[in-house]
Amino acid sequence: MCNGVPREMTSTKMSGLTNEQRKAVFHSKGAACVMAGAGTGKTTALVERIFFLVDDQQIEPKRIIVTTFTRNMNHLNPIKGTTP
């Protein structure tokens, strides 16, 4: 709640989320795992989730852990000779 209004109605980004992103943002039972392809809005959903947890659920930021990774590590493979 933000001044008595649910945050999902006050966020400028929230209205642009897909249904799947909304499921990730408002997940309420324990940890959430978000897996999706490139360009699907994972980072946006994770950032909105953090705002939701801190602003609406009153979770202390120091109690939130977010980890992301990619399988596309070709730029780190010296054998292929690619560069970042």
C-alpha atoms as a PDB file:
ATOM      1  CA  MET A   1       0.000   0.000   0.000  1.00  0.00           C
ATOM      2  CA  CYS A   2       1.188   3.458  -0.853  1.00  0.00           C
ATOM      3  CA  ASN A   3      -0.906   6.139   0.840  1.00  0.00           C
ATOM      4  CA  GLY A   4      -3.775   3.661   0.989  1.00  0.00           C
ATOM      5  CA  VAL A   5      -3.513   2.737  -2.695  1.00  0.00           C
ATOM      6  CA  PRO A   6      -2.196  -0.709  -3.720  1.00  0.00           C
ATOM      7  CA  ARG A   7       1.271  -0.250  -5.179  1.00  0.00           C
ATOM      8  CA  GLU A   8       0.339  -2.068  -8.375  1.00  0.00           C
ATOM      9  CA  MET A   9      -1.845   0.915  -9.173  1.00  0.00           C
ATOM     10  CA  THR A  10       0.810   3.530  -8.383  1.00  0.00           C
ATOM     11  CA  SER A  11       3.830   2.122 -10.216  1.00  0.00           C
ATOM     12  CA  THR A  12       4.588   3.584 -13.610  1.00  0.00           C
ATOM     13  CA  LYS A  13       6.153   0.274 -14.686  1.00  0.00           C
ATOM     14  CA  MET A  14       3.541  -2.014 -13.145  1.00  0.00           C
ATOM     15  CA  SER A  15       0.902  -1.321 -15.763  1.00  0.00           C
ATOM     16  CA  GLY A  16       3.275  -2.558 -18.482  1.00  0.00           C
ATOM     17  CA  LEU A  17       3.971  -5.956 -16.915  1.00  0.00           C
ATOM     18  CA  THR A  18       2.793  -9.167 -18.522  1.00  0.00           C
ATOM     19  CA  ASN A  19       0.711 -11.663 -16.552  1.00  0.00           C
ATOM     20  CA  GLU A  20       3.785 -13.850 -16.051  1.00  0.00           C
ATOM     21  CA  GLN A  21       5.792 -10.900 -14.731  1.00  0.00           C
ATOM     22  CA  ARG A  22       2.957 -10.017 -12.357  1.00  0.00           C
ATOM     23  CA  LYS A  23       2.998 -13.586 -11.017  1.00  0.00           C
ATOM     24  CA  ALA A  24       6.700 -13.196 -10.227  1.00  0.00           C
ATOM     25  CA  VAL A  25       6.277  -9.753  -8.660  1.00  0.00           C
ATOM     26  CA  PHE A  26       3.374 -10.722  -6.393  1.00  0.00           C
ATOM     27  CA  HIS A  27       4.541 -14.257  -5.507  1.00  0.00           C
ATOM     28  CA  SER A  28       3.777 -14.572  -1.792  1.00  0.00           C
ATOM     29  CA  LYS A  29       5.021 -17.939  -0.520  1.00  0.00           C
ATOM     30  CA  GLY A  30       8.775 -17.941   0.106  1.00  0.00           C
ATOM     31  CA  ALA A  31      11.511 -17.533  -2.472  1.00  0.00           C
ATOM     32  CA  ALA A  32      10.777 -16.927  -6.132  1.00  0.00           C
ATOM     33  CA  CYS A  33      12.712 -18.374  -9.074  1.00  0.00           C
ATOM     34  CA  VAL A  34      12.338 -16.548 -12.380  1.00  0.00           C
ATOM     35  CA  MET A  35      13.601 -18.352 -15.492  1.00  0.00           C
ATOM     36  CA  ALA A  36      12.932 -17.045 -18.986  1.00  0.00           C
ATOM     37  CA  GLY A  37      14.635 -16.242 -22.258  1.00  0.00           C
ATOM     38  CA  ALA A  38      16.554 -13.128 -23.213  1.00  0.00           C
ATOM     39  CA  GLY A  39      14.512  -9.948 -23.503  1.00  0.00           C
ATOM     40  CA  THR A  40      11.472 -11.250 -21.641  1.00  0.00           C
ATOM     41  CA  GLY A  41      11.600  -8.732 -18.787  1.00  0.00           C
ATOM     42  CA  LYS A  42      13.194 -10.764 -16.006  1.00  0.00           C
ATOM     43  CA  THR A  43      15.167  -7.818 -14.655  1.00  0.00           C
ATOM     44  CA  THR A  44      12.108  -5.558 -14.735  1.00  0.00           C
ATOM     45  CA  ALA A  45      10.088  -8.168 -12.837  1.00  0.00           C
ATOM     46  CA  LEU A  46      12.848  -8.630 -10.254  1.00  0.00           C
ATOM     47  CA  VAL A  47      13.203  -4.890  -9.664  1.00  0.00           C
ATOM     48  CA  GLU A  48       9.437  -4.486  -9.315  1.00  0.00           C
ATOM     49  CA  ARG A  49       9.398  -7.453  -6.920  1.00  0.00           C
ATOM     50  CA  ILE A  50      12.003  -5.788  -4.726  1.00  0.00           C
ATOM     51  CA  PHE A  51       9.938  -2.571  -4.669  1.00  0.00           C
ATOM     52  CA  PHE A  52       6.852  -4.628  -3.799  1.00  0.00           C
ATOM     53  CA  LEU A  53       8.612  -6.465  -0.959  1.00  0.00           C
ATOM     54  CA  VAL A  54      10.086  -3.298   0.543  1.00  0.00           C
ATOM     55  CA  ASP A  55       7.212  -0.852  -0.019  1.00  0.00           C
ATOM     56  CA  ASP A  56       4.153  -3.065   0.393  1.00  0.00           C
ATOM     57  CA  GLN A  57       5.311  -6.027   2.452  1.00  0.00           C
ATOM     58  CA  GLN A  58       7.612  -3.990   4.718  1.00  0.00           C
ATOM     59  CA  ILE A  59      10.534  -6.387   4.200  1.00  0.00           C
ATOM     60  CA  GLU A  60      13.881  -4.890   5.195  1.00  0.00           C
ATOM     61  CA  PRO A  61      16.127  -4.533   2.129  1.00  0.00           C
ATOM     62  CA  LYS A  62      18.993  -6.234   3.996  1.00  0.00           C
ATOM     63  CA  ARG A  63      16.843  -9.397   4.141  1.00  0.00           C
ATOM     64  CA  ILE A  64      16.450  -9.617   0.354  1.00  0.00           C
ATOM     65  CA  ILE A  65      18.901 -11.563  -1.809  1.00  0.00           C
ATOM     66  CA  VAL A  66      18.748 -11.382  -5.604  1.00  0.00           C
ATOM     67  CA  THR A  67      21.044 -13.389  -7.867  1.00  0.00           C
ATOM     68  CA  THR A  68      21.083 -13.445 -11.644  1.00  0.00           C
ATOM     69  CA  PHE A  69      23.251 -15.243 -14.156  1.00  0.00           C
ATOM     70  CA  THR A  70      23.435 -16.076 -17.822  1.00  0.00           C
ATOM     71  CA  ARG A  71      24.494 -19.184 -19.658  1.00  0.00           C
ATOM     72  CA  ASN A  72      25.864 -17.065 -22.499  1.00  0.00           C
ATOM     73  CA  MET A  73      29.487 -16.994 -21.388  1.00  0.00           C
ATOM     74  CA  ASN A  74      31.118 -17.186 -24.828  1.00  0.00           C
ATOM     75  CA  HIS A  75      32.956 -13.917 -24.286  1.00  0.00           C
ATOM     76  CA  LEU A  76      34.862 -15.576 -21.417  1.00  0.00           C
ATOM     77  CA  ASN A  77      35.945 -18.615 -23.451  1.00  0.00           C
ATOM     78  CA  PRO A  78      39.517 -18.014 -24.679  1.00  0.00           C
ATOM     79  CA  ILE A  79      39.423 -21.149 -26.856  1.00  0.00           C
ATOM     80  CA  LYS A  80      36.747 -19.688 -29.128  1.00  0.00           C
ATOM     81  CA  GLY A  81      38.771 -16.490 -29.393  1.00  0.00           C
ATOM     82  CA  THR A  82      35.772 -14.247 -28.872  1.00  0.00           C
ATOM     83  CA  THR A  83      35.958 -10.916 -27.134  1.00  0.00           C
ATOM     84  CA  PRO A  84      33.379  -9.053 -25.101  1.00  0.00           C
END
